[in-house]
Amino acid sequence: MNRKKLVATVVLLTIAFFGLSAEGKKLKAPKKGEVVVVGKCYSESSIDQKFFDRYFRTISFRGPNTMVAGYQSAVAKKSRDNLSPFGDTFYQYAKVRGDGKILIEGYTVFLRQNSWAHFYLPVNVDLTIPEGAKYVYLGTIKYTFSNEYFEIDDISRADDFDEEAATLKKKFGDKAELVRVAISESNYP
């Protein structure tokens, strides 16, 4: 009986240690010529998880629906490096163009983390990056869907800057300063 308790204790401590160490892990600072775009996309419209559970298998432990930078964006590599759970704050490394701007075309949400089961969230904005800024704030973008096919009824942006600035320091260290940037509609085709 004592051996079972010992094994259970070791397993629980291991899980707690790795869970806590991942939570408190600092992220890398952006390289020269790039910034970290901080934001959040979410929807109050419900996504029928039970429906998708029947058809899609979750392929990792990051949560049921994940988000990645849009593939046409001038922001990210054409990869899934920037995955984060849909609705959580994301930290997206982005190269700044020669004109001092970053295009955020949109984001893709992968249902049950399957690449062939996804929907697109348009953003279509240019961020004007001030000289010396390393961490820039996009905002919290809320999408309202009209039906189960993810047709968008409304898009609104909220300002949760103070909350995100505090979280940023936990993720990147005390020297990380979040900056508000000028956001304009992009002329991207």
N, C-alpha and C. Protein backbone atom coordinates (compact mmCIF):
# COMPACT_ATOMS: atom_id res chain seq x y z
N MET A 1 0.82 -1.20 0.00
CA MET A 1 0.00 0.00 0.00
C MET A 1 0.87 1.27 0.00
N ASN A 2 1.93 1.27 0.77
CA ASN A 2 2.82 2.42 0.83
C ASN A 2 3.49 2.67 -0.51
N ARG A 3 3.80 1.61 -1.23
CA ARG A 3 4.43 1.76 -2.54
C ARG A 3 3.49 2.49 -3.51
N LYS A 4 2.20 2.16 -3.49
CA LYS A 4 1.22 2.82 -4.35
C LYS A 4 1.14 4.31 -4.01
N LYS A 5 1.14 4.64 -2.72
CA LYS A 5 1.10 6.05 -2.31
C LYS A 5 2.34 6.79 -2.78
N LEU A 6 3.50 6.14 -2.68
CA LEU A 6 4.75 6.74 -3.11
C LEU A 6 4.74 7.01 -4.61
N VAL A 7 4.30 6.02 -5.38
CA VAL A 7 4.23 6.18 -6.84
C VAL A 7 3.25 7.30 -7.20
N ALA A 8 2.09 7.31 -6.55
CA ALA A 8 1.09 8.35 -6.83
C ALA A 8 1.64 9.72 -6.48
N THR A 9 2.35 9.84 -5.37
CA THR A 9 2.93 11.11 -4.96
C THR A 9 3.97 11.58 -5.96
N VAL A 10 4.85 10.68 -6.40
CA VAL A 10 5.88 11.03 -7.37
C VAL A 10 5.25 11.49 -8.68
N VAL A 11 4.22 10.79 -9.14
CA VAL A 11 3.54 11.17 -10.38
C VAL A 11 2.90 12.55 -10.24
N LEU A 12 2.20 12.80 -9.14
CA LEU A 12 1.56 14.10 -8.93
C LEU A 12 2.58 15.23 -8.83
N LEU A 13 3.68 14.99 -8.13
CA LEU A 13 4.72 16.02 -8.03
C LEU A 13 5.36 16.31 -9.38
N THR A 14 5.57 15.27 -10.17
CA THR A 14 6.15 15.45 -11.51
C THR A 14 5.22 16.28 -12.39
N ILE A 15 3.94 15.94 -12.36
CA ILE A 15 2.96 16.70 -13.15
C ILE A 15 2.92 18.16 -12.68
N ALA A 16 2.89 18.36 -11.37
CA ALA A 16 2.83 19.72 -10.83
C ALA A 16 4.08 20.50 -11.20
N PHE A 17 5.25 19.87 -11.09
CA PHE A 17 6.51 20.55 -11.41
C PHE A 17 6.54 20.98 -12.86
N PHE A 18 6.25 20.06 -13.78
CA PHE A 18 6.32 20.40 -15.20
C PHE A 18 5.21 21.37 -15.59
N GLY A 19 4.05 21.24 -15.00
CA GLY A 19 2.96 22.18 -15.28
C GLY A 19 3.30 23.59 -14.83
N LEU A 20 3.84 23.71 -13.62
CA LEU A 20 4.19 25.02 -13.09
C LEU A 20 5.39 25.61 -13.81
N SER A 21 6.37 24.78 -14.15
CA SER A 21 7.54 25.32 -14.83
C SER A 21 7.19 25.81 -16.22
N ALA A 22 6.26 25.16 -16.91
CA ALA A 22 5.84 25.62 -18.24
C ALA A 22 5.06 26.92 -18.11
N GLU A 23 4.25 27.03 -17.06
CA GLU A 23 3.43 28.22 -16.86
C GLU A 23 4.29 29.45 -16.62
N GLY A 24 5.36 29.30 -15.84
CA GLY A 24 6.19 30.43 -15.50
C GLY A 24 7.34 30.65 -16.47
N LYS A 25 7.42 29.88 -17.51
CA LYS A 25 8.53 29.95 -18.46
C LYS A 25 8.53 31.29 -19.18
N LYS A 26 9.69 31.93 -19.22
CA LYS A 26 9.82 33.20 -19.93
C LYS A 26 9.99 32.93 -21.42
N LEU A 27 9.38 33.77 -22.24
CA LEU A 27 9.51 33.67 -23.68
C LEU A 27 10.70 34.50 -24.14
N LYS A 28 11.21 34.21 -25.33
CA LYS A 28 12.38 34.92 -25.86
C LYS A 28 12.00 36.31 -26.35
N ALA A 29 12.89 37.24 -26.14
CA ALA A 29 12.70 38.61 -26.65
C ALA A 29 12.78 38.59 -28.17
N PRO A 30 12.11 39.54 -28.84
CA PRO A 30 12.18 39.58 -30.30
C PRO A 30 13.59 39.94 -30.78
N LYS A 31 13.92 39.47 -31.98
CA LYS A 31 15.22 39.77 -32.59
C LYS A 31 15.19 41.17 -33.19
N LYS A 32 16.35 41.61 -33.68
CA LYS A 32 16.43 42.91 -34.33
C LYS A 32 15.54 42.91 -35.57
N GLY A 33 14.77 43.97 -35.76
CA GLY A 33 13.89 44.08 -36.92
C GLY A 33 12.55 43.39 -36.75
N GLU A 34 12.28 42.86 -35.56
CA GLU A 34 10.98 42.25 -35.33
C GLU A 34 10.41 42.72 -34.00
N VAL A 35 9.10 42.52 -33.85
CA VAL A 35 8.40 42.85 -32.62
C VAL A 35 7.52 41.67 -32.24
N VAL A 36 6.98 41.74 -31.05
CA VAL A 36 5.98 40.77 -30.61
C VAL A 36 4.64 41.48 -30.60
N VAL A 37 3.71 40.96 -31.40
CA VAL A 37 2.35 41.50 -31.43
C VAL A 37 1.55 40.77 -30.36
N VAL A 38 0.93 41.53 -29.46
CA VAL A 38 0.16 40.96 -28.36
C VAL A 38 -1.31 41.25 -28.61
N GLY A 39 -2.14 40.23 -28.53
CA GLY A 39 -3.57 40.42 -28.74
C GLY A 39 -4.35 39.21 -28.33
N LYS A 40 -5.63 39.28 -28.59
CA LYS A 40 -6.53 38.18 -28.26
C LYS A 40 -7.69 38.21 -29.24
N CYS A 41 -8.09 37.04 -29.74
CA CYS A 41 -9.28 36.89 -30.56
C CYS A 41 -10.20 35.90 -29.88
N TYR A 42 -11.48 36.22 -29.81
CA TYR A 42 -12.42 35.29 -29.18
C TYR A 42 -13.81 35.49 -29.75
N SER A 43 -14.70 34.60 -29.38
CA SER A 43 -16.10 34.72 -29.78
C SER A 43 -16.97 34.30 -28.61
N GLU A 44 -18.05 35.04 -28.40
CA GLU A 44 -19.03 34.64 -27.40
C GLU A 44 -20.04 33.67 -28.00
N SER A 45 -20.05 33.58 -29.33
CA SER A 45 -20.91 32.60 -29.99
C SER A 45 -20.35 31.22 -29.68
N SER A 46 -21.22 30.31 -29.33
CA SER A 46 -20.73 29.00 -28.91
C SER A 46 -20.29 28.17 -30.12
N ILE A 47 -19.24 27.40 -29.91
CA ILE A 47 -18.77 26.43 -30.89
C ILE A 47 -19.19 25.07 -30.36
N ASP A 48 -19.95 24.34 -31.14
CA ASP A 48 -20.50 23.06 -30.70
C ASP A 48 -19.40 22.01 -30.63
N GLN A 49 -18.74 21.94 -29.46
CA GLN A 49 -17.62 21.02 -29.29
C GLN A 49 -18.04 19.56 -29.44
N LYS A 50 -19.23 19.23 -28.94
CA LYS A 50 -19.68 17.83 -29.03
C LYS A 50 -19.82 17.39 -30.49
N PHE A 51 -20.27 18.29 -31.33
CA PHE A 51 -20.38 17.98 -32.75
C PHE A 51 -19.00 17.67 -33.33
N PHE A 52 -18.03 18.54 -33.06
CA PHE A 52 -16.70 18.36 -33.62
C PHE A 52 -15.98 17.18 -33.01
N ASP A 53 -16.28 16.86 -31.74
CA ASP A 53 -15.67 15.69 -31.10
C ASP A 53 -15.98 14.41 -31.87
N ARG A 54 -17.15 14.37 -32.50
CA ARG A 54 -17.54 13.16 -33.24
C ARG A 54 -16.72 12.97 -34.51
N TYR A 55 -16.20 14.05 -35.06
CA TYR A 55 -15.54 13.98 -36.37
C TYR A 55 -14.04 14.23 -36.35
N PHE A 56 -13.56 14.93 -35.34
CA PHE A 56 -12.16 15.30 -35.32
C PHE A 56 -11.50 14.81 -34.04
N ARG A 57 -10.28 14.40 -34.17
CA ARG A 57 -9.50 13.95 -33.03
C ARG A 57 -8.55 15.07 -32.63
N THR A 58 -8.48 15.38 -31.33
CA THR A 58 -7.54 16.38 -30.85
C THR A 58 -6.15 15.77 -30.89
N ILE A 59 -5.18 16.52 -31.43
CA ILE A 59 -3.87 15.93 -31.64
C ILE A 59 -2.79 16.43 -30.67
N SER A 60 -3.15 17.28 -29.70
CA SER A 60 -2.17 17.65 -28.68
C SER A 60 -2.92 18.13 -27.45
N PHE A 61 -2.19 18.62 -26.47
CA PHE A 61 -2.79 19.02 -25.21
C PHE A 61 -3.00 20.52 -25.09
N ARG A 62 -2.95 21.26 -26.17
CA ARG A 62 -3.07 22.72 -26.11
C ARG A 62 -4.51 23.20 -25.99
N GLY A 63 -5.47 22.34 -26.11
CA GLY A 63 -6.86 22.74 -26.05
C GLY A 63 -7.56 22.36 -27.34
N PRO A 64 -8.87 22.42 -27.34
CA PRO A 64 -9.60 21.92 -28.49
C PRO A 64 -9.47 22.76 -29.75
N ASN A 65 -9.46 24.06 -29.66
CA ASN A 65 -9.41 24.92 -30.85
C ASN A 65 -8.19 25.82 -30.75
N THR A 66 -7.35 25.81 -31.77
CA THR A 66 -6.14 26.61 -31.73
C THR A 66 -6.13 27.62 -32.86
N MET A 67 -5.36 28.67 -32.66
CA MET A 67 -5.31 29.77 -33.61
C MET A 67 -3.89 29.94 -34.12
N VAL A 68 -3.76 30.31 -35.38
CA VAL A 68 -2.45 30.53 -35.97
C VAL A 68 -2.52 31.77 -36.86
N ALA A 69 -1.37 32.40 -37.05
CA ALA A 69 -1.32 33.58 -37.90
C ALA A 69 -1.77 33.24 -39.31
N GLY A 70 -2.45 34.18 -39.96
CA GLY A 70 -2.92 33.97 -41.32
C GLY A 70 -1.76 33.72 -42.27
N TYR A 71 -1.93 32.83 -43.20
CA TYR A 71 -0.85 32.44 -44.09
C TYR A 71 -0.46 33.53 -45.07
N GLN A 72 -1.35 34.44 -45.40
CA GLN A 72 -1.02 35.52 -46.32
C GLN A 72 -0.45 36.73 -45.58
N SER A 73 -0.40 36.65 -44.26
CA SER A 73 0.06 37.78 -43.48
C SER A 73 1.55 38.01 -43.69
N ALA A 74 1.93 39.27 -43.65
CA ALA A 74 3.34 39.61 -43.73
C ALA A 74 3.99 39.45 -42.36
N VAL A 75 3.23 38.93 -41.41
CA VAL A 75 3.68 38.86 -40.03
C VAL A 75 4.47 37.60 -39.72
N ALA A 76 3.94 36.46 -40.04
CA ALA A 76 4.51 35.21 -39.54
C ALA A 76 5.05 34.34 -40.65
N LYS A 77 5.88 33.39 -40.25
CA LYS A 77 6.35 32.37 -41.18
C LYS A 77 5.14 31.54 -41.58
N LYS A 78 5.23 30.86 -42.71
CA LYS A 78 4.12 30.00 -43.12
C LYS A 78 4.22 28.68 -42.38
N SER A 79 3.93 28.75 -41.09
CA SER A 79 4.00 27.57 -40.24
C SER A 79 3.02 27.74 -39.11
N ARG A 80 2.99 26.77 -38.24
CA ARG A 80 2.12 26.86 -37.08
C ARG A 80 2.90 27.23 -35.82
N ASP A 81 3.98 27.98 -35.98
CA ASP A 81 4.80 28.37 -34.83
C ASP A 81 4.00 29.17 -33.81
N ASN A 82 3.03 29.92 -34.25
CA ASN A 82 2.34 30.87 -33.38
C ASN A 82 1.03 30.34 -32.82
N LEU A 83 0.88 29.04 -32.71
CA LEU A 83 -0.36 28.49 -32.18
C LEU A 83 -0.61 28.92 -30.75
N SER A 84 -1.85 29.24 -30.45
CA SER A 84 -2.29 29.49 -29.08
C SER A 84 -3.75 29.09 -29.02
N PRO A 85 -4.24 28.74 -27.85
CA PRO A 85 -5.67 28.40 -27.75
C PRO A 85 -6.54 29.59 -28.15
N PHE A 86 -7.58 29.32 -28.92
CA PHE A 86 -8.52 30.34 -29.35
C PHE A 86 -9.15 30.98 -28.11
N GLY A 87 -9.06 32.29 -28.01
CA GLY A 87 -9.60 33.01 -26.86
C GLY A 87 -8.54 33.41 -25.86
N ASP A 88 -7.33 32.84 -25.96
CA ASP A 88 -6.24 33.21 -25.07
C ASP A 88 -5.39 34.32 -25.69
N THR A 89 -4.63 34.99 -24.87
CA THR A 89 -3.70 35.99 -25.36
C THR A 89 -2.63 35.31 -26.20
N PHE A 90 -2.30 35.93 -27.34
CA PHE A 90 -1.23 35.38 -28.17
C PHE A 90 -0.06 36.36 -28.20
N TYR A 91 1.12 35.80 -28.44
CA TYR A 91 2.37 36.55 -28.55
C TYR A 91 2.98 36.14 -29.88
N GLN A 92 2.84 37.01 -30.87
CA GLN A 92 3.19 36.67 -32.25
C GLN A 92 4.42 37.47 -32.68
N TYR A 93 5.50 36.76 -32.99
CA TYR A 93 6.72 37.39 -33.46
C TYR A 93 6.50 37.86 -34.90
N ALA A 94 6.85 39.11 -35.19
CA ALA A 94 6.55 39.68 -36.51
C ALA A 94 7.71 40.53 -37.00
N LYS A 95 8.01 40.40 -38.28
CA LYS A 95 9.04 41.24 -38.91
C LYS A 95 8.40 42.57 -39.32
N VAL A 96 9.10 43.65 -39.06
CA VAL A 96 8.62 44.98 -39.41
C VAL A 96 9.09 45.29 -40.84
N ARG A 97 8.13 45.73 -41.68
CA ARG A 97 8.47 46.10 -43.07
C ARG A 97 9.33 47.36 -43.08
N GLY A 98 9.90 47.65 -44.24
CA GLY A 98 10.74 48.83 -44.42
C GLY A 98 10.02 50.14 -44.13
N ASP A 99 8.69 50.17 -44.33
CA ASP A 99 7.92 51.39 -44.07
C ASP A 99 7.51 51.51 -42.60
N GLY A 100 8.01 50.59 -41.74
CA GLY A 100 7.71 50.66 -40.31
C GLY A 100 6.34 50.11 -39.94
N LYS A 101 5.76 49.30 -40.83
CA LYS A 101 4.43 48.76 -40.56
C LYS A 101 4.44 47.23 -40.57
N ILE A 102 3.38 46.70 -40.00
CA ILE A 102 3.13 45.26 -40.03
C ILE A 102 1.70 45.08 -40.51
N LEU A 103 1.51 44.18 -41.46
CA LEU A 103 0.17 43.84 -41.93
C LEU A 103 -0.33 42.64 -41.14
N ILE A 104 -1.50 42.78 -40.54
CA ILE A 104 -2.18 41.65 -39.91
C ILE A 104 -3.40 41.38 -40.78
N GLU A 105 -3.29 40.38 -41.64
CA GLU A 105 -4.40 40.07 -42.53
C GLU A 105 -5.51 39.33 -41.79
N GLY A 106 -5.13 38.35 -41.00
CA GLY A 106 -6.13 37.60 -40.26
C GLY A 106 -5.53 36.40 -39.57
N TYR A 107 -6.39 35.63 -38.94
CA TYR A 107 -5.98 34.44 -38.21
C TYR A 107 -6.85 33.26 -38.62
N THR A 108 -6.30 32.09 -38.49
CA THR A 108 -7.04 30.87 -38.79
C THR A 108 -7.22 30.09 -37.50
N VAL A 109 -8.44 29.64 -37.24
CA VAL A 109 -8.72 28.79 -36.08
C VAL A 109 -8.88 27.37 -36.57
N PHE A 110 -8.09 26.48 -36.00
CA PHE A 110 -8.16 25.06 -36.35
C PHE A 110 -9.03 24.35 -35.33
N LEU A 111 -10.14 23.79 -35.79
CA LEU A 111 -11.05 23.07 -34.92
C LEU A 111 -10.43 21.73 -34.56
N ARG A 112 -10.41 21.43 -33.30
CA ARG A 112 -9.82 20.18 -32.81
C ARG A 112 -8.39 20.03 -33.32
N GLN A 113 -7.75 21.13 -33.67
CA GLN A 113 -6.37 21.20 -34.14
C GLN A 113 -6.11 20.41 -35.42
N ASN A 114 -7.11 20.28 -36.25
CA ASN A 114 -6.95 19.61 -37.53
C ASN A 114 -6.81 20.65 -38.62
N SER A 115 -5.78 20.51 -39.47
CA SER A 115 -5.51 21.52 -40.48
C SER A 115 -6.59 21.61 -41.54
N TRP A 116 -7.36 20.58 -41.74
CA TRP A 116 -8.41 20.62 -42.76
C TRP A 116 -9.76 21.02 -42.20
N ALA A 117 -9.84 21.25 -40.91
CA ALA A 117 -11.09 21.70 -40.27
C ALA A 117 -10.81 23.04 -39.61
N HIS A 118 -11.03 24.12 -40.35
CA HIS A 118 -10.69 25.43 -39.82
C HIS A 118 -11.62 26.51 -40.37
N PHE A 119 -11.56 27.68 -39.73
CA PHE A 119 -12.24 28.86 -40.26
C PHE A 119 -11.33 30.07 -40.09
N TYR A 120 -11.61 31.09 -40.85
CA TYR A 120 -10.74 32.26 -40.95
C TYR A 120 -11.36 33.45 -40.22
N LEU A 121 -10.53 34.20 -39.49
CA LEU A 121 -10.94 35.41 -38.81
C LEU A 121 -10.23 36.60 -39.46
N PRO A 122 -10.93 37.41 -40.25
CA PRO A 122 -10.28 38.55 -40.89
C PRO A 122 -9.96 39.65 -39.87
N VAL A 123 -8.83 40.30 -40.05
CA VAL A 123 -8.45 41.45 -39.24
C VAL A 123 -8.17 42.63 -40.18
N ASN A 124 -7.27 42.43 -41.16
CA ASN A 124 -6.97 43.38 -42.22
C ASN A 124 -6.62 44.78 -41.72
N VAL A 125 -5.57 44.85 -40.88
CA VAL A 125 -5.10 46.14 -40.39
C VAL A 125 -3.59 46.25 -40.56
N ASP A 126 -3.13 47.49 -40.65
CA ASP A 126 -1.71 47.80 -40.61
C ASP A 126 -1.41 48.37 -39.24
N LEU A 127 -0.34 47.90 -38.62
CA LEU A 127 0.14 48.46 -37.36
C LEU A 127 1.36 49.32 -37.68
N THR A 128 1.36 50.57 -37.25
CA THR A 128 2.50 51.45 -37.44
C THR A 128 3.37 51.33 -36.18
N ILE A 129 4.59 50.83 -36.36
CA ILE A 129 5.45 50.51 -35.23
C ILE A 129 6.37 51.69 -34.91
N PRO A 130 6.29 52.23 -33.69
CA PRO A 130 7.18 53.32 -33.30
C PRO A 130 8.63 52.83 -33.20
N GLU A 131 9.56 53.71 -33.44
CA GLU A 131 10.99 53.40 -33.34
C GLU A 131 11.30 52.87 -31.94
N GLY A 132 11.99 51.76 -31.87
CA GLY A 132 12.42 51.19 -30.59
C GLY A 132 11.40 50.28 -29.92
N ALA A 133 10.18 50.23 -30.41
CA ALA A 133 9.15 49.37 -29.80
C ALA A 133 9.48 47.90 -30.06
N LYS A 134 9.33 47.08 -29.05
CA LYS A 134 9.59 45.64 -29.18
C LYS A 134 8.33 44.81 -28.94
N TYR A 135 7.38 45.35 -28.18
CA TYR A 135 6.14 44.64 -27.85
C TYR A 135 4.98 45.59 -28.14
N VAL A 136 4.11 45.23 -29.09
CA VAL A 136 3.05 46.13 -29.51
C VAL A 136 1.69 45.47 -29.29
N TYR A 137 0.70 46.31 -29.02
CA TYR A 137 -0.64 45.82 -28.65
C TYR A 137 -1.62 45.97 -29.80
N LEU A 138 -2.20 44.85 -30.22
CA LEU A 138 -3.22 44.83 -31.27
C LEU A 138 -4.61 45.09 -30.70
N GLY A 139 -4.89 44.54 -29.53
CA GLY A 139 -6.20 44.67 -28.91
C GLY A 139 -6.87 43.33 -28.74
N THR A 140 -8.06 43.36 -28.18
CA THR A 140 -8.88 42.16 -28.01
C THR A 140 -9.99 42.25 -29.05
N ILE A 141 -10.01 41.28 -29.96
CA ILE A 141 -10.97 41.31 -31.06
C ILE A 141 -12.05 40.26 -30.81
N LYS A 142 -13.30 40.72 -30.79
CA LYS A 142 -14.44 39.83 -30.54
C LYS A 142 -15.19 39.61 -31.85
N TYR A 143 -15.43 38.35 -32.17
CA TYR A 143 -16.18 37.97 -33.37
C TYR A 143 -17.52 37.39 -32.93
N THR A 144 -18.59 37.81 -33.62
CA THR A 144 -19.91 37.23 -33.39
C THR A 144 -20.31 36.48 -34.65
N PHE A 145 -20.59 35.19 -34.49
CA PHE A 145 -20.98 34.35 -35.62
C PHE A 145 -22.50 34.24 -35.69
N SER A 146 -23.03 34.19 -36.93
CA SER A 146 -24.48 34.11 -37.11
C SER A 146 -24.99 32.68 -37.13
N ASN A 147 -24.09 31.71 -37.40
CA ASN A 147 -24.55 30.33 -37.49
C ASN A 147 -23.39 29.37 -37.28
N GLU A 148 -23.68 28.08 -37.44
CA GLU A 148 -22.67 27.04 -37.21
C GLU A 148 -21.62 26.98 -38.32
N TYR A 149 -21.77 27.79 -39.36
CA TYR A 149 -20.79 27.84 -40.45
C TYR A 149 -19.80 28.98 -40.26
N PHE A 150 -19.81 29.61 -39.09
CA PHE A 150 -18.87 30.67 -38.71
C PHE A 150 -18.96 31.89 -39.61
N GLU A 151 -20.16 32.18 -40.10
CA GLU A 151 -20.36 33.43 -40.83
C GLU A 151 -20.37 34.56 -39.81
N ILE A 152 -19.60 35.59 -40.09
CA ILE A 152 -19.39 36.66 -39.11
C ILE A 152 -20.48 37.73 -39.23
N ASP A 153 -21.14 37.99 -38.11
CA ASP A 153 -22.13 39.07 -38.02
C ASP A 153 -21.50 40.39 -37.60
N ASP A 154 -20.54 40.30 -36.69
CA ASP A 154 -19.99 41.52 -36.12
C ASP A 154 -18.55 41.29 -35.66
N ILE A 155 -17.74 42.33 -35.77
CA ILE A 155 -16.36 42.32 -35.26
C ILE A 155 -16.20 43.59 -34.44
N SER A 156 -15.73 43.45 -33.21
CA SER A 156 -15.47 44.62 -32.37
C SER A 156 -14.12 44.48 -31.69
N ARG A 157 -13.54 45.60 -31.34
CA ARG A 157 -12.23 45.59 -30.69
C ARG A 157 -12.35 46.26 -29.33
N ALA A 158 -11.76 45.63 -28.31
CA ALA A 158 -11.74 46.19 -26.96
C ALA A 158 -10.31 46.48 -26.56
N ASP A 159 -10.14 47.34 -25.57
CA ASP A 159 -8.82 47.71 -25.10
C ASP A 159 -8.60 47.12 -23.70
N ASP A 160 -7.82 46.06 -23.62
CA ASP A 160 -7.44 45.44 -22.35
C ASP A 160 -5.94 45.66 -22.10
N PHE A 161 -5.47 46.83 -22.46
CA PHE A 161 -4.04 47.12 -22.47
C PHE A 161 -3.39 46.88 -21.10
N ASP A 162 -3.96 47.42 -20.03
CA ASP A 162 -3.33 47.32 -18.71
C ASP A 162 -3.17 45.87 -18.27
N GLU A 163 -4.20 45.07 -18.49
CA GLU A 163 -4.15 43.64 -18.14
C GLU A 163 -3.08 42.93 -18.96
N GLU A 164 -3.04 43.20 -20.25
CA GLU A 164 -2.06 42.54 -21.13
C GLU A 164 -0.64 43.00 -20.84
N ALA A 165 -0.46 44.26 -20.46
CA ALA A 165 0.88 44.77 -20.12
C ALA A 165 1.43 44.04 -18.89
N ALA A 166 0.58 43.79 -17.91
CA ALA A 166 1.01 43.06 -16.71
C ALA A 166 1.35 41.61 -17.04
N THR A 167 0.54 40.97 -17.88
CA THR A 167 0.80 39.59 -18.27
C THR A 167 2.07 39.49 -19.10
N LEU A 168 2.32 40.49 -19.95
CA LEU A 168 3.52 40.51 -20.78
C LEU A 168 4.78 40.45 -19.93
N LYS A 169 4.80 41.22 -18.84
CA LYS A 169 5.98 41.23 -17.96
C LYS A 169 6.23 39.84 -17.35
N LYS A 170 5.17 39.11 -17.07
CA LYS A 170 5.33 37.76 -16.53
C LYS A 170 5.91 36.82 -17.58
N LYS A 171 5.54 37.02 -18.84
CA LYS A 171 5.98 36.14 -19.92
C LYS A 171 7.37 36.47 -20.44
N PHE A 172 7.72 37.77 -20.47
CA PHE A 172 8.97 38.20 -21.10
C PHE A 172 9.96 38.85 -20.13
N GLY A 173 9.55 39.10 -18.90
CA GLY A 173 10.44 39.73 -17.94
C GLY A 173 10.04 41.18 -17.69
N ASP A 174 10.60 41.73 -16.62
CA ASP A 174 10.24 43.08 -16.18
C ASP A 174 10.61 44.20 -17.15
N LYS A 175 11.58 43.96 -18.04
CA LYS A 175 12.00 45.00 -18.98
C LYS A 175 11.07 45.11 -20.19
N ALA A 176 10.17 44.17 -20.36
CA ALA A 176 9.25 44.17 -21.51
C ALA A 176 8.19 45.26 -21.32
N GLU A 177 8.15 46.20 -22.24
CA GLU A 177 7.17 47.29 -22.18
C GLU A 177 6.22 47.20 -23.36
N LEU A 178 4.94 47.05 -23.08
CA LEU A 178 3.92 46.99 -24.13
C LEU A 178 3.61 48.41 -24.60
N VAL A 179 3.48 48.57 -25.93
CA VAL A 179 3.27 49.89 -26.53
C VAL A 179 1.97 49.85 -27.35
N ARG A 180 1.15 50.89 -27.17
CA ARG A 180 -0.01 51.05 -28.06
C ARG A 180 0.51 51.58 -29.39
N VAL A 181 -0.08 51.10 -30.48
CA VAL A 181 0.36 51.53 -31.81
C VAL A 181 -0.82 52.08 -32.60
N ALA A 182 -0.50 52.85 -33.64
CA ALA A 182 -1.53 53.33 -34.55
C ALA A 182 -2.00 52.15 -35.39
N ILE A 183 -3.31 51.95 -35.43
CA ILE A 183 -3.92 50.86 -36.18
C ILE A 183 -4.80 51.47 -37.27
N SER A 184 -4.56 51.07 -38.51
CA SER A 184 -5.37 51.59 -39.61
C SER A 184 -5.80 50.43 -40.50
N GLU A 185 -6.91 50.63 -41.20
CA GLU A 185 -7.37 49.61 -42.13
C GLU A 185 -6.34 49.47 -43.25
N SER A 186 -6.04 48.23 -43.59
CA SER A 186 -5.02 47.98 -44.60
C SER A 186 -5.59 48.13 -46.00
N ASN A 187 -4.73 48.51 -46.94
CA ASN A 187 -5.11 48.57 -48.34
C ASN A 187 -4.75 47.27 -49.06
N TYR A 188 -4.41 46.26 -48.25
CA TYR A 188 -4.03 44.96 -48.82
C TYR A 188 -5.22 44.41 -49.60
N PRO A 189 -4.96 43.89 -50.80
CA PRO A 189 -6.08 43.45 -51.66
C PRO A 189 -6.94 42.39 -51.06
